[in-house]
C-alpha atoms as a PDB file:
ATOM      1  CA  MET A   1     -16.324  52.292   6.208  1.00  0.00           C
ATOM      2  CA  SER A   2     -12.721  53.492   6.280  1.00  0.00           C
ATOM      3  CA  PHE A   3      -9.687  51.452   5.270  1.00  0.00           C
ATOM      4  CA  THR A   4      -8.421  51.611   8.875  1.00  0.00           C
ATOM      5  CA  THR A   5     -11.731  50.233  10.159  1.00  0.00           C
ATOM      6  CA  ILE A   6     -11.590  47.389   7.645  1.00  0.00           C
ATOM      7  CA  ILE A   7      -8.013  46.508   8.661  1.00  0.00           C
ATOM      8  CA  LEU A   8      -8.884  46.643  12.381  1.00  0.00           C
ATOM      9  CA  LEU A   9     -11.923  44.415  11.883  1.00  0.00           C
ATOM     10  CA  LEU A  10      -9.892  41.917   9.866  1.00  0.00           C
ATOM     11  CA  LEU A  11      -7.180  41.824  12.555  1.00  0.00           C
ATOM     12  CA  ILE A  12      -9.724  41.409  15.364  1.00  0.00           C
ATOM     13  CA  GLY A  13     -11.530  38.688  13.408  1.00  0.00           C
ATOM     14  CA  PHE A  14      -8.304  36.839  12.624  1.00  0.00           C
ATOM     15  CA  ALA A  15      -7.077  36.981  16.234  1.00  0.00           C
ATOM     16  CA  THR A  16     -10.461  35.811  17.497  1.00  0.00           C
ATOM     17  CA  GLY A  17     -10.531  32.942  15.005  1.00  0.00           C
ATOM     18  CA  MET A  18      -7.078  31.833  16.108  1.00  0.00           C
ATOM     19  CA  LEU A  19      -8.005  31.975  19.805  1.00  0.00           C
ATOM     20  CA  SER A  20     -11.322  30.201  19.206  1.00  0.00           C
ATOM     21  CA  SER A  21      -9.623  27.334  17.423  1.00  0.00           C
ATOM     22  CA  MET A  22      -6.762  27.105  19.894  1.00  0.00           C
ATOM     23  CA  VAL A  23      -8.681  27.192  23.172  1.00  0.00           C
ATOM     24  CA  GLY A  24     -12.286  26.411  22.250  1.00  0.00           C
ATOM     25  CA  ILE A  25     -13.868  29.765  23.052  1.00  0.00           C
ATOM     26  CA  GLY A  26     -16.821  31.125  21.148  1.00  0.00           C
ATOM     27  CA  GLY A  27     -15.075  34.399  20.470  1.00  0.00           C
ATOM     28  CA  GLY A  28     -17.438  36.730  22.286  1.00  0.00           C
ATOM     29  CA  ILE A  29     -14.879  37.177  25.040  1.00  0.00           C
ATOM     30  CA  VAL A  30     -12.627  38.858  22.468  1.00  0.00           C
ATOM     31  CA  ILE A  31     -15.080  40.403  19.999  1.00  0.00           C
ATOM     32  CA  VAL A  32     -17.459  42.092  22.453  1.00  0.00           C
ATOM     33  CA  PRO A  33     -14.803  44.067  24.367  1.00  0.00           C
ATOM     34  CA  ALA A  34     -12.943  44.892  21.131  1.00  0.00           C
ATOM     35  CA  LEU A  35     -16.045  46.333  19.463  1.00  0.00           C
ATOM     36  CA  MET A  36     -16.845  48.359  22.571  1.00  0.00           C
ATOM     37  CA  LEU A  37     -13.330  49.653  23.236  1.00  0.00           C
ATOM     38  CA  ILE A  38     -12.152  50.255  19.679  1.00  0.00           C
ATOM     39  CA  PHE A  39     -15.385  51.220  17.927  1.00  0.00           C
ATOM     40  CA  GLY A  40     -17.523  52.508  20.802  1.00  0.00           C
ATOM     41  CA  PHE A  41     -20.317  49.955  20.337  1.00  0.00           C
ATOM     42  CA  SER A  42     -22.924  49.589  23.071  1.00  0.00           C
ATOM     43  CA  GLN A  43     -22.847  46.291  24.962  1.00  0.00           C
ATOM     44  CA  LYS A  44     -25.983  45.031  23.195  1.00  0.00           C
ATOM     45  CA  MET A  45     -24.755  46.061  19.723  1.00  0.00           C
ATOM     46  CA  ALA A  46     -21.385  44.382  20.371  1.00  0.00           C
ATOM     47  CA  GLN A  47     -23.068  41.180  21.545  1.00  0.00           C
ATOM     48  CA  GLY A  48     -25.447  41.095  18.572  1.00  0.00           C
ATOM     49  CA  THR A  49     -22.623  41.746  16.106  1.00  0.00           C
ATOM     50  CA  SER A  50     -20.504  39.082  17.805  1.00  0.00           C
ATOM     51  CA  LEU A  51     -23.287  36.502  17.502  1.00  0.00           C
ATOM     52  CA  ALA A  52     -23.788  37.359  13.815  1.00  0.00           C
ATOM     53  CA  MET A  53     -20.046  37.037  13.183  1.00  0.00           C
ATOM     54  CA  LEU A  54     -19.603  33.751  15.047  1.00  0.00           C
ATOM     55  CA  LEU A  55     -22.258  31.596  13.415  1.00  0.00           C
ATOM     56  CA  PRO A  56     -20.702  30.749  10.018  1.00  0.00           C
ATOM     57  CA  PRO A  57     -17.007  30.279  10.870  1.00  0.00           C
ATOM     58  CA  ILE A  58     -17.363  28.536  14.205  1.00  0.00           C
ATOM     59  CA  GLY A  59     -20.534  26.685  13.361  1.00  0.00           C
ATOM     60  CA  ILE A  60     -19.317  25.311  10.059  1.00  0.00           C
ATOM     61  CA  LEU A  61     -15.574  25.519   9.402  1.00  0.00           C
ATOM     62  CA  GLY A  62     -14.274  24.934  12.914  1.00  0.00           C
ATOM     63  CA  VAL A  63     -16.474  21.923  13.574  1.00  0.00           C
ATOM     64  CA  LEU A  64     -15.534  20.314  10.239  1.00  0.00           C
ATOM     65  CA  ILE A  65     -11.859  20.325  11.177  1.00  0.00           C
ATOM     66  CA  TYR A  66     -12.533  18.947  14.655  1.00  0.00           C
ATOM     67  CA  HIS A  67     -14.901  16.299  13.210  1.00  0.00           C
ATOM     68  CA  LYS A  68     -12.311  15.153  10.667  1.00  0.00           C
ATOM     69  CA  SER A  69      -9.828  14.722  13.517  1.00  0.00           C
ATOM     70  CA  GLY A  70     -12.341  12.638  15.489  1.00  0.00           C
ATOM     71  CA  ASN A  71     -12.681  15.279  18.175  1.00  0.00           C
ATOM     72  CA  VAL A  72     -16.449  15.809  18.222  1.00  0.00           C
ATOM     73  CA  ASN A  73     -18.726  13.791  20.498  1.00  0.00           C
ATOM     74  CA  TRP A  74     -21.913  14.055  18.426  1.00  0.00           C
ATOM     75  CA  GLN A  75     -24.195  12.562  21.109  1.00  0.00           C
ATOM     76  CA  PHE A  76     -23.159  15.309  23.511  1.00  0.00           C
ATOM     77  CA  ALA A  77     -23.129  17.957  20.763  1.00  0.00           C
ATOM     78  CA  ILE A  78     -26.707  17.269  19.619  1.00  0.00           C
ATOM     79  CA  LEU A  79     -28.108  17.637  23.130  1.00  0.00           C
ATOM     80  CA  LEU A  80     -26.033  20.771  23.660  1.00  0.00           C
ATOM     81  CA  ILE A  81     -27.254  22.198  20.330  1.00  0.00           C
ATOM     82  CA  ILE A  82     -30.906  21.735  21.284  1.00  0.00           C
ATOM     83  CA  ALA A  83     -30.383  23.389  24.671  1.00  0.00           C
ATOM     84  CA  PHE A  84     -28.181  26.112  23.131  1.00  0.00           C
ATOM     85  CA  ILE A  85     -30.862  27.071  20.598  1.00  0.00           C
ATOM     86  CA  LEU A  86     -33.465  27.412  23.340  1.00  0.00           C
ATOM     87  CA  GLY A  87     -31.049  29.239  25.650  1.00  0.00           C
ATOM     88  CA  SER A  88     -29.989  31.611  22.866  1.00  0.00           C
ATOM     89  CA  TYR A  89     -33.558  32.505  22.053  1.00  0.00           C
ATOM     90  CA  PHE A  90     -34.632  33.148  25.634  1.00  0.00           C
ATOM     91  CA  GLY A  91     -31.345  34.847  26.583  1.00  0.00           C
ATOM     92  CA  ALA A  92     -31.555  37.243  23.631  1.00  0.00           C
ATOM     93  CA  LYS A  93     -35.199  38.065  24.422  1.00  0.00           C
ATOM     94  CA  TRP A  94     -34.392  38.635  28.106  1.00  0.00           C
ATOM     95  CA  VAL A  95     -31.321  40.834  27.544  1.00  0.00           C
ATOM     96  CA  GLN A  96     -33.252  43.206  25.264  1.00  0.00           C
ATOM     97  CA  GLY A  97     -35.303  44.273  28.272  1.00  0.00           C
ATOM     98  CA  LEU A  98     -32.260  45.089  30.404  1.00  0.00           C
ATOM     99  CA  ASN A  99     -30.471  48.423  30.453  1.00  0.00           C
ATOM    100  CA  THR A 100     -26.991  48.576  28.937  1.00  0.00           C
ATOM    101  CA  LEU A 101     -25.172  49.017  32.254  1.00  0.00           C
ATOM    102  CA  THR A 102     -26.749  45.851  33.664  1.00  0.00           C
ATOM    103  CA  VAL A 103     -25.766  43.888  30.551  1.00  0.00           C
ATOM    104  CA  LYS A 104     -22.188  45.215  30.784  1.00  0.00           C
ATOM    105  CA  ARG A 105     -21.986  44.182  34.426  1.00  0.00           C
ATOM    106  CA  ILE A 106     -23.304  40.687  33.735  1.00  0.00           C
ATOM    107  CA  PHE A 107     -20.733  40.276  30.956  1.00  0.00           C
ATOM    108  CA  ALA A 108     -17.902  41.633  33.140  1.00  0.00           C
ATOM    109  CA  VAL A 109     -18.784  39.391  36.089  1.00  0.00           C
ATOM    110  CA  PHE A 110     -18.927  36.363  33.787  1.00  0.00           C
ATOM    111  CA  MET A 111     -15.496  37.172  32.331  1.00  0.00           C
ATOM    112  CA  LEU A 112     -14.060  37.756  35.813  1.00  0.00           C
ATOM    113  CA  VAL A 113     -15.436  34.486  37.190  1.00  0.00           C
ATOM    114  CA  MET A 114     -14.082  32.557  34.205  1.00  0.00           C
ATOM    115  CA  ALA A 115     -10.667  34.229  34.508  1.00  0.00           C
ATOM    116  CA  ILE A 116     -10.440  33.349  38.214  1.00  0.00           C
ATOM    117  CA  LYS A 117     -11.509  29.776  37.496  1.00  0.00           C
ATOM    118  CA  TYR A 118      -8.965  29.277  34.732  1.00  0.00           C
ATOM    119  CA  LEU A 119      -6.117  31.041  36.530  1.00  0.00           C
ATOM    120  CA  PHE A 120      -6.530  29.669  40.029  1.00  0.00           C
ATOM    121  CA  LEU A 121      -9.088  26.877  40.306  1.00  0.00           C
ATOM    122  CA  ASP A 122      -8.664  24.710  37.205  1.00  0.00           C
ATOM    123  CA  LYS A 123      -6.813  21.477  37.813  1.00  0.00           C
ATOM    124  CA  PRO A 124      -6.146  18.998  34.995  1.00  0.00           C
ATOM    125  CA  LYS A 125      -8.583  16.072  35.041  1.00  0.00           C
ATOM    126  CA  PRO A 126      -7.668  12.602  33.806  1.00  0.00           C
ATOM    127  CA  THR A 127      -9.352  11.886  30.474  1.00  0.00           C
ATOM    128  CA  ASP A 128     -10.202   8.738  28.589  1.00  0.00           C
ATOM    129  CA  GLU A 129      -7.734   8.670  25.682  1.00  0.00           C
ATOM    130  CA  LYS A 130     -10.285   7.094  23.326  1.00  0.00           C
ATOM    131  CA  THR A 131     -13.176   9.507  23.869  1.00  0.00           C
ATOM    132  CA  ASN A 132     -11.244  12.527  25.168  1.00  0.00           C
ATOM    133  CA  VAL A 133     -13.953  12.881  27.845  1.00  0.00           C
ATOM    134  CA  PRO A 134     -12.968  13.480  31.478  1.00  0.00           C
ATOM    135  CA  ILE A 135     -13.243  10.169  33.324  1.00  0.00           C
ATOM    136  CA  LYS A 136     -15.403  11.750  36.043  1.00  0.00           C
ATOM    137  CA  THR A 137     -18.158  12.601  33.501  1.00  0.00           C
ATOM    138  CA  LYS A 138     -18.316   9.233  31.741  1.00  0.00           C
ATOM    139  CA  VAL A 139     -21.591   8.185  33.424  1.00  0.00           C
ATOM    140  CA  GLU A 140     -23.531   8.419  30.140  1.00  0.00           C
ATOM    141  CA  ASN A 141     -20.900   6.428  28.234  1.00  0.00           C
ATOM    142  CA  THR A 142     -21.182   3.413  30.567  1.00  0.00           C
ATOM    143  CA  SER A 143     -24.835   2.757  29.708  1.00  0.00           C
ATOM    144  CA  ALA A 144     -24.170   2.239  25.980  1.00  0.00           C
END
């Protein structure tokens, strides 16, 4: 691995870490295109590398900081974790059977839909100051 490659990877990783912490993204939106455009990775290789890269820093360090600040709803997180593990397994198995162009298109459509949503359709929702949960989704909290 060349010195230039190492520097580029460190810069991409640092920028992705900053964005992930600032806006709550998983990082794949940055890492996958960067690996494909800069290093010529296939879509599947970029996605696999992105998943391998994201687990330790986001899964451990990021959540510790948010937890210490009181910004993790563990009841929600545990249910999401269970579903995420199952979804990750079945999604990874499914995507291996698809051709690269189809995977690229799925990824591109997802990014486009999210960009349109955030740019044009997202309106701020009132949140409960104590739980930081949008008031509209507090159905589960009222039964406790």
